[in-house]
Amino acid sequence: MDVRNELKSLIAKNGTTLKKICEKLTETTGKSYIGNNMTNKLRRKTIKFEEVQQILDVLDYHIEFVRNK
């Protein structure tokens, strides 16, 4: 799974942008999130699991772990 492509797809499906997601994250967490920094983290694959969860929260999604059969 490529987190970058999955997140980009979810963001597009929700009709928003990474910049708007970062603005909402800044409002809710009080920590400064900048679109370019987040883009770089996604491109370099250095984004933290917590940050992915926060992005998914803004998009009203969650991560689910399912055992392979």
PDB file of N, CA and C in Angstrom:
ATOM      1  N   MET A   1       0.845  -1.179   0.000  1.00  0.00           N
ATOM      2  CA  MET A   1       0.000   0.000   0.000  1.00  0.00           C
ATOM      3  C   MET A   1       0.886   1.236   0.000  1.00  0.00           C
ATOM      4  N   ASP A   2       0.572   2.156  -0.855  1.00  0.00           N
ATOM      5  CA  ASP A   2       1.293   3.417  -0.928  1.00  0.00           C
ATOM      6  C   ASP A   2       0.452   4.490  -0.239  1.00  0.00           C
ATOM      7  N   VAL A   3       0.882   4.909   0.922  1.00  0.00           N
ATOM      8  CA  VAL A   3       0.118   5.865   1.732  1.00  0.00           C
ATOM      9  C   VAL A   3      -0.122   7.158   0.962  1.00  0.00           C
ATOM     10  N   ARG A   4       0.873   7.603   0.249  1.00  0.00           N
ATOM     11  CA  ARG A   4       0.757   8.865  -0.487  1.00  0.00           C
ATOM     12  C   ARG A   4      -0.408   8.820  -1.474  1.00  0.00           C
ATOM     13  N   ASN A   5      -0.441   7.769  -2.294  1.00  0.00           N
ATOM     14  CA  ASN A   5      -1.502   7.666  -3.294  1.00  0.00           C
ATOM     15  C   ASN A   5      -2.875   7.447  -2.655  1.00  0.00           C
ATOM     16  N   GLU A   6      -2.916   6.670  -1.585  1.00  0.00           N
ATOM     17  CA  GLU A   6      -4.185   6.441  -0.889  1.00  0.00           C
ATOM     18  C   GLU A   6      -4.739   7.745  -0.321  1.00  0.00           C
ATOM     19  N   LEU A   7      -3.877   8.520   0.337  1.00  0.00           N
ATOM     20  CA  LEU A   7      -4.328   9.791   0.909  1.00  0.00           C
ATOM     21  C   LEU A   7      -4.744  10.776  -0.176  1.00  0.00           C
ATOM     22  N   LYS A   8      -3.954  10.857  -1.240  1.00  0.00           N
ATOM     23  CA  LYS A   8      -4.300  11.761  -2.338  1.00  0.00           C
ATOM     24  C   LYS A   8      -5.651  11.395  -2.929  1.00  0.00           C
ATOM     25  N   SER A   9      -5.900  10.104  -3.057  1.00  0.00           N
ATOM     26  CA  SER A   9      -7.165   9.641  -3.606  1.00  0.00           C
ATOM     27  C   SER A   9      -8.334  10.010  -2.690  1.00  0.00           C
ATOM     28  N   LEU A  10      -8.166   9.774  -1.389  1.00  0.00           N
ATOM     29  CA  LEU A  10      -9.228  10.112  -0.438  1.00  0.00           C
ATOM     30  C   LEU A  10      -9.494  11.612  -0.390  1.00  0.00           C
ATOM     31  N   ILE A  11      -8.425  12.389  -0.447  1.00  0.00           N
ATOM     32  CA  ILE A  11      -8.571  13.850  -0.428  1.00  0.00           C
ATOM     33  C   ILE A  11      -9.344  14.313  -1.656  1.00  0.00           C
ATOM     34  N   ALA A  12      -9.003  13.769  -2.824  1.00  0.00           N
ATOM     35  CA  ALA A  12      -9.694  14.134  -4.063  1.00  0.00           C
ATOM     36  C   ALA A  12     -11.160  13.690  -4.032  1.00  0.00           C
ATOM     37  N   LYS A  13     -11.416  12.476  -3.523  1.00  0.00           N
ATOM     38  CA  LYS A  13     -12.794  11.973  -3.438  1.00  0.00           C
ATOM     39  C   LYS A  13     -13.656  12.861  -2.561  1.00  0.00           C
ATOM     40  N   ASN A  14     -13.056  13.500  -1.584  1.00  0.00           N
ATOM     41  CA  ASN A  14     -13.789  14.377  -0.678  1.00  0.00           C
ATOM     42  C   ASN A  14     -13.853  15.814  -1.178  1.00  0.00           C
ATOM     43  N   GLY A  15     -13.321  16.050  -2.363  1.00  0.00           N
ATOM     44  CA  GLY A  15     -13.421  17.370  -2.978  1.00  0.00           C
ATOM     45  C   GLY A  15     -12.689  18.456  -2.226  1.00  0.00           C
ATOM     46  N   THR A  16     -11.557  18.113  -1.639  1.00  0.00           N
ATOM     47  CA  THR A  16     -10.781  19.094  -0.895  1.00  0.00           C
ATOM     48  C   THR A  16      -9.329  19.034  -1.361  1.00  0.00           C
ATOM     49  N   THR A  17      -8.481  19.782  -0.687  1.00  0.00           N
ATOM     50  CA  THR A  17      -7.063  19.808  -1.034  1.00  0.00           C
ATOM     51  C   THR A  17      -6.235  19.537   0.215  1.00  0.00           C
ATOM     52  N   LEU A  18      -4.985  19.183   0.018  1.00  0.00           N
ATOM     53  CA  LEU A  18      -4.095  18.958   1.145  1.00  0.00           C
ATOM     54  C   LEU A  18      -3.896  20.255   1.926  1.00  0.00           C
ATOM     55  N   LYS A  19      -3.908  21.369   1.235  1.00  0.00           N
ATOM     56  CA  LYS A  19      -3.772  22.660   1.906  1.00  0.00           C
ATOM     57  C   LYS A  19      -4.927  22.888   2.881  1.00  0.00           C
ATOM     58  N   LYS A  20      -6.143  22.589   2.458  1.00  0.00           N
ATOM     59  CA  LYS A  20      -7.307  22.759   3.335  1.00  0.00           C
ATOM     60  C   LYS A  20      -7.254  21.780   4.501  1.00  0.00           C
ATOM     61  N   ILE A  21      -6.779  20.568   4.248  1.00  0.00           N
ATOM     62  CA  ILE A  21      -6.627  19.574   5.310  1.00  0.00           C
ATOM     63  C   ILE A  21      -5.630  20.099   6.339  1.00  0.00           C
ATOM     64  N   CYS A  22      -4.520  20.653   5.875  1.00  0.00           N
ATOM     65  CA  CYS A  22      -3.502  21.199   6.780  1.00  0.00           C
ATOM     66  C   CYS A  22      -4.056  22.354   7.605  1.00  0.00           C
ATOM     67  N   GLU A  23      -4.882  23.193   6.994  1.00  0.00           N
ATOM     68  CA  GLU A  23      -5.508  24.296   7.735  1.00  0.00           C
ATOM     69  C   GLU A  23      -6.402  23.760   8.847  1.00  0.00           C
ATOM     70  N   LYS A  24      -7.175  22.721   8.560  1.00  0.00           N
ATOM     71  CA  LYS A  24      -8.045  22.128   9.578  1.00  0.00           C
ATOM     72  C   LYS A  24      -7.221  21.470  10.683  1.00  0.00           C
ATOM     73  N   LEU A  25      -6.121  20.814  10.302  1.00  0.00           N
ATOM     74  CA  LEU A  25      -5.247  20.195  11.303  1.00  0.00           C
ATOM     75  C   LEU A  25      -4.648  21.251  12.218  1.00  0.00           C
ATOM     76  N   THR A  26      -4.249  22.379  11.656  1.00  0.00           N
ATOM     77  CA  THR A  26      -3.686  23.466  12.447  1.00  0.00           C
ATOM     78  C   THR A  26      -4.726  23.995  13.426  1.00  0.00           C
ATOM     79  N   GLU A  27      -5.972  24.141  12.969  1.00  0.00           N
ATOM     80  CA  GLU A  27      -7.053  24.622  13.839  1.00  0.00           C
ATOM     81  C   GLU A  27      -7.321  23.652  14.985  1.00  0.00           C
ATOM     82  N   THR A  28      -7.367  22.358  14.672  1.00  0.00           N
ATOM     83  CA  THR A  28      -7.776  21.382  15.687  1.00  0.00           C
ATOM     84  C   THR A  28      -6.655  21.003  16.646  1.00  0.00           C
ATOM     85  N   THR A  29      -5.405  20.997  16.163  1.00  0.00           N
ATOM     86  CA  THR A  29      -4.306  20.546  17.021  1.00  0.00           C
ATOM     87  C   THR A  29      -3.524  21.690  17.639  1.00  0.00           C
ATOM     88  N   GLY A  30      -3.579  22.868  17.028  1.00  0.00           N
ATOM     89  CA  GLY A  30      -2.790  23.987  17.510  1.00  0.00           C
ATOM     90  C   GLY A  30      -1.347  23.940  17.006  1.00  0.00           C
ATOM     91  N   LYS A  31      -0.998  22.861  16.328  1.00  0.00           N
ATOM     92  CA  LYS A  31       0.339  22.716  15.755  1.00  0.00           C
ATOM     93  C   LYS A  31       0.288  23.183  14.304  1.00  0.00           C
ATOM     94  N   SER A  32       1.335  23.838  13.847  1.00  0.00           N
ATOM     95  CA  SER A  32       1.356  24.371  12.491  1.00  0.00           C
ATOM     96  C   SER A  32       1.609  23.270  11.458  1.00  0.00           C
ATOM     97  N   TYR A  33       0.675  23.129  10.541  1.00  0.00           N
ATOM     98  CA  TYR A  33       0.821  22.191   9.425  1.00  0.00           C
ATOM     99  C   TYR A  33       0.831  22.998   8.136  1.00  0.00           C
ATOM    100  N   ILE A  34       1.837  22.766   7.317  1.00  0.00           N
ATOM    101  CA  ILE A  34       1.989  23.480   6.053  1.00  0.00           C
ATOM    102  C   ILE A  34       1.915  22.455   4.926  1.00  0.00           C
ATOM    103  N   GLY A  35       1.136  22.783   3.894  1.00  0.00           N
ATOM    104  CA  GLY A  35       0.923  21.864   2.774  1.00  0.00           C
ATOM    105  C   GLY A  35       2.199  21.338   2.147  1.00  0.00           C
ATOM    106  N   ASN A  36       3.164  22.229   1.917  1.00  0.00           N
ATOM    107  CA  ASN A  36       4.415  21.799   1.285  1.00  0.00           C
ATOM    108  C   ASN A  36       5.175  20.817   2.165  1.00  0.00           C
ATOM    109  N   ASN A  37       5.187  21.058   3.467  1.00  0.00           N
ATOM    110  CA  ASN A  37       5.877  20.139   4.375  1.00  0.00           C
ATOM    111  C   ASN A  37       5.207  18.770   4.360  1.00  0.00           C
ATOM    112  N   MET A  38       3.874  18.761   4.359  1.00  0.00           N
ATOM    113  CA  MET A  38       3.145  17.497   4.343  1.00  0.00           C
ATOM    114  C   MET A  38       3.362  16.768   3.027  1.00  0.00           C
ATOM    115  N   THR A  39       3.390  17.499   1.936  1.00  0.00           N
ATOM    116  CA  THR A  39       3.658  16.902   0.628  1.00  0.00           C
ATOM    117  C   THR A  39       5.038  16.260   0.613  1.00  0.00           C
ATOM    118  N   ASN A  40       6.011  16.958   1.171  1.00  0.00           N
ATOM    119  CA  ASN A  40       7.375  16.406   1.228  1.00  0.00           C
ATOM    120  C   ASN A  40       7.436  15.153   2.089  1.00  0.00           C
ATOM    121  N   LYS A  41       6.728  15.152   3.209  1.00  0.00           N
ATOM    122  CA  LYS A  41       6.701  13.961   4.070  1.00  0.00           C
ATOM    123  C   LYS A  41       6.097  12.781   3.327  1.00  0.00           C
ATOM    124  N   LEU A  42       5.034  13.035   2.583  1.00  0.00           N
ATOM    125  CA  LEU A  42       4.406  11.961   1.816  1.00  0.00           C
ATOM    126  C   LEU A  42       5.331  11.457   0.711  1.00  0.00           C
ATOM    127  N   ARG A  43       5.990  12.363   0.040  1.00  0.00           N
ATOM    128  CA  ARG A  43       6.884  11.981  -1.055  1.00  0.00           C
ATOM    129  C   ARG A  43       8.089  11.196  -0.547  1.00  0.00           C
ATOM    130  N   ARG A  44       8.641  11.616   0.602  1.00  0.00           N
ATOM    131  CA  ARG A  44       9.821  10.939   1.156  1.00  0.00           C
ATOM    132  C   ARG A  44       9.453   9.719   2.002  1.00  0.00           C
ATOM    133  N   LYS A  45       8.147   9.529   2.210  1.00  0.00           N
ATOM    134  CA  LYS A  45       7.634   8.426   3.036  1.00  0.00           C
ATOM    135  C   LYS A  45       8.121   8.533   4.477  1.00  0.00           C
ATOM    136  N   THR A  46       8.096   9.758   5.005  1.00  0.00           N
ATOM    137  CA  THR A  46       8.512  10.000   6.387  1.00  0.00           C
ATOM    138  C   THR A  46       7.359  10.508   7.252  1.00  0.00           C
ATOM    139  N   ILE A  47       6.132  10.420   6.744  1.00  0.00           N
ATOM    140  CA  ILE A  47       4.979  10.890   7.503  1.00  0.00           C
ATOM    141  C   ILE A  47       4.744   9.940   8.679  1.00  0.00           C
ATOM    142  N   LYS A  48       4.387  10.508   9.809  1.00  0.00           N
ATOM    143  CA  LYS A  48       4.148   9.717  11.015  1.00  0.00           C
ATOM    144  C   LYS A  48       2.747   9.098  10.957  1.00  0.00           C
ATOM    145  N   PHE A  49       2.624   7.942  11.591  1.00  0.00           N
ATOM    146  CA  PHE A  49       1.344   7.253  11.661  1.00  0.00           C
ATOM    147  C   PHE A  49       0.289   8.163  12.282  1.00  0.00           C
ATOM    148  N   GLU A  50       0.673   8.888  13.318  1.00  0.00           N
ATOM    149  CA  GLU A  50      -0.239   9.812  13.992  1.00  0.00           C
ATOM    150  C   GLU A  50      -0.751  10.886  13.031  1.00  0.00           C
ATOM    151  N   GLU A  51       0.121  11.380  12.167  1.00  0.00           N
ATOM    152  CA  GLU A  51      -0.287  12.402  11.200  1.00  0.00           C
ATOM    153  C   GLU A  51      -1.263  11.826  10.177  1.00  0.00           C
ATOM    154  N   VAL A  52      -1.033  10.591   9.764  1.00  0.00           N
ATOM    155  CA  VAL A  52      -1.967   9.937   8.842  1.00  0.00           C
ATOM    156  C   VAL A  52      -3.324   9.793   9.519  1.00  0.00           C
ATOM    157  N   GLN A  53      -3.332   9.378  10.784  1.00  0.00           N
ATOM    158  CA  GLN A  53      -4.582   9.250  11.518  1.00  0.00           C
ATOM    159  C   GLN A  53      -5.308  10.595  11.615  1.00  0.00           C
ATOM    160  N   GLN A  54      -4.569  11.655  11.854  1.00  0.00           N
ATOM    161  CA  GLN A  54      -5.185  12.984  11.966  1.00  0.00           C
ATOM    162  C   GLN A  54      -5.796  13.411  10.630  1.00  0.00           C
ATOM    163  N   ILE A  55      -5.101  13.154   9.543  1.00  0.00           N
ATOM    164  CA  ILE A  55      -5.629  13.481   8.217  1.00  0.00           C
ATOM    165  C   ILE A  55      -6.906  12.689   7.978  1.00  0.00           C
ATOM    166  N   LEU A  56      -6.879  11.406   8.303  1.00  0.00           N
ATOM    167  CA  LEU A  56      -8.062  10.574   8.107  1.00  0.00           C
ATOM    168  C   LEU A  56      -9.219  11.025   8.990  1.00  0.00           C
ATOM    169  N   ASP A  57      -8.928  11.501  10.190  1.00  0.00           N
ATOM    170  CA  ASP A  57      -9.977  12.035  11.066  1.00  0.00           C
ATOM    171  C   ASP A  57     -10.665  13.232  10.415  1.00  0.00           C
ATOM    172  N   VAL A  58      -9.880  14.114   9.837  1.00  0.00           N
ATOM    173  CA  VAL A  58     -10.444  15.289   9.157  1.00  0.00           C
ATOM    174  C   VAL A  58     -11.332  14.847   7.998  1.00  0.00           C
ATOM    175  N   LEU A  59     -10.919  13.779   7.302  1.00  0.00           N
ATOM    176  CA  LEU A  59     -11.687  13.274   6.164  1.00  0.00           C
ATOM    177  C   LEU A  59     -12.823  12.346   6.583  1.00  0.00           C
ATOM    178  N   ASP A  60     -12.936  12.078   7.884  1.00  0.00           N
ATOM    179  CA  ASP A  60     -13.946  11.194   8.448  1.00  0.00           C
ATOM    180  C   ASP A  60     -13.751   9.735   8.004  1.00  0.00           C
ATOM    181  N   TYR A  61     -12.501   9.289   8.051  1.00  0.00           N
ATOM    182  CA  TYR A  61     -12.128   7.896   7.795  1.00  0.00           C
ATOM    183  C   TYR A  61     -11.344   7.380   8.991  1.00  0.00           C
ATOM    184  N   HIS A  62     -11.132   6.072   9.032  1.00  0.00           N
ATOM    185  CA  HIS A  62     -10.284   5.488  10.063  1.00  0.00           C
ATOM    186  C   HIS A  62      -9.502   4.320   9.472  1.00  0.00           C
ATOM    187  N   ILE A  63      -8.462   3.928  10.180  1.00  0.00           N
ATOM    188  CA  ILE A  63      -7.634   2.800   9.773  1.00  0.00           C
ATOM    189  C   ILE A  63      -8.163   1.564  10.486  1.00  0.00           C
ATOM    190  N   GLU A  64      -8.250   0.485   9.749  1.00  0.00           N
ATOM    191  CA  GLU A  64      -8.711  -0.771  10.335  1.00  0.00           C
ATOM    192  C   GLU A  64      -7.713  -1.857   9.979  1.00  0.00           C
ATOM    193  N   PHE A  65      -7.305  -2.605  10.984  1.00  0.00           N
ATOM    194  CA  PHE A  65      -6.400  -3.722  10.759  1.00  0.00           C
ATOM    195  C   PHE A  65      -7.219  -5.007  10.689  1.00  0.00           C
ATOM    196  N   VAL A  66      -7.021  -5.749   9.603  1.00  0.00           N
ATOM    197  CA  VAL A  66      -7.769  -6.981   9.386  1.00  0.00           C
ATOM    198  C   VAL A  66      -6.769  -8.101   9.143  1.00  0.00           C
ATOM    199  N   ARG A  67      -6.963  -9.203   9.854  1.00  0.00           N
ATOM    200  CA  ARG A  67      -6.067 -10.350   9.703  1.00  0.00           C
ATOM    201  C   ARG A  67      -6.269 -10.985   8.336  1.00  0.00           C
ATOM    202  N   ASN A  68      -5.165 -11.304   7.679  1.00  0.00           N
ATOM    203  CA  ASN A  68      -5.220 -12.018   6.403  1.00  0.00           C
ATOM    204  C   ASN A  68      -5.720 -13.429   6.623  1.00  0.00           C
ATOM    205  N   LYS A  69      -6.444 -13.922   5.687  1.00  0.00           N
ATOM    206  CA  LYS A  69      -6.966 -15.296   5.813  1.00  0.00           C
ATOM    207  C   LYS A  69      -6.114 -16.275   5.044  1.00  0.00           C
TER     208      LYS A  69
END
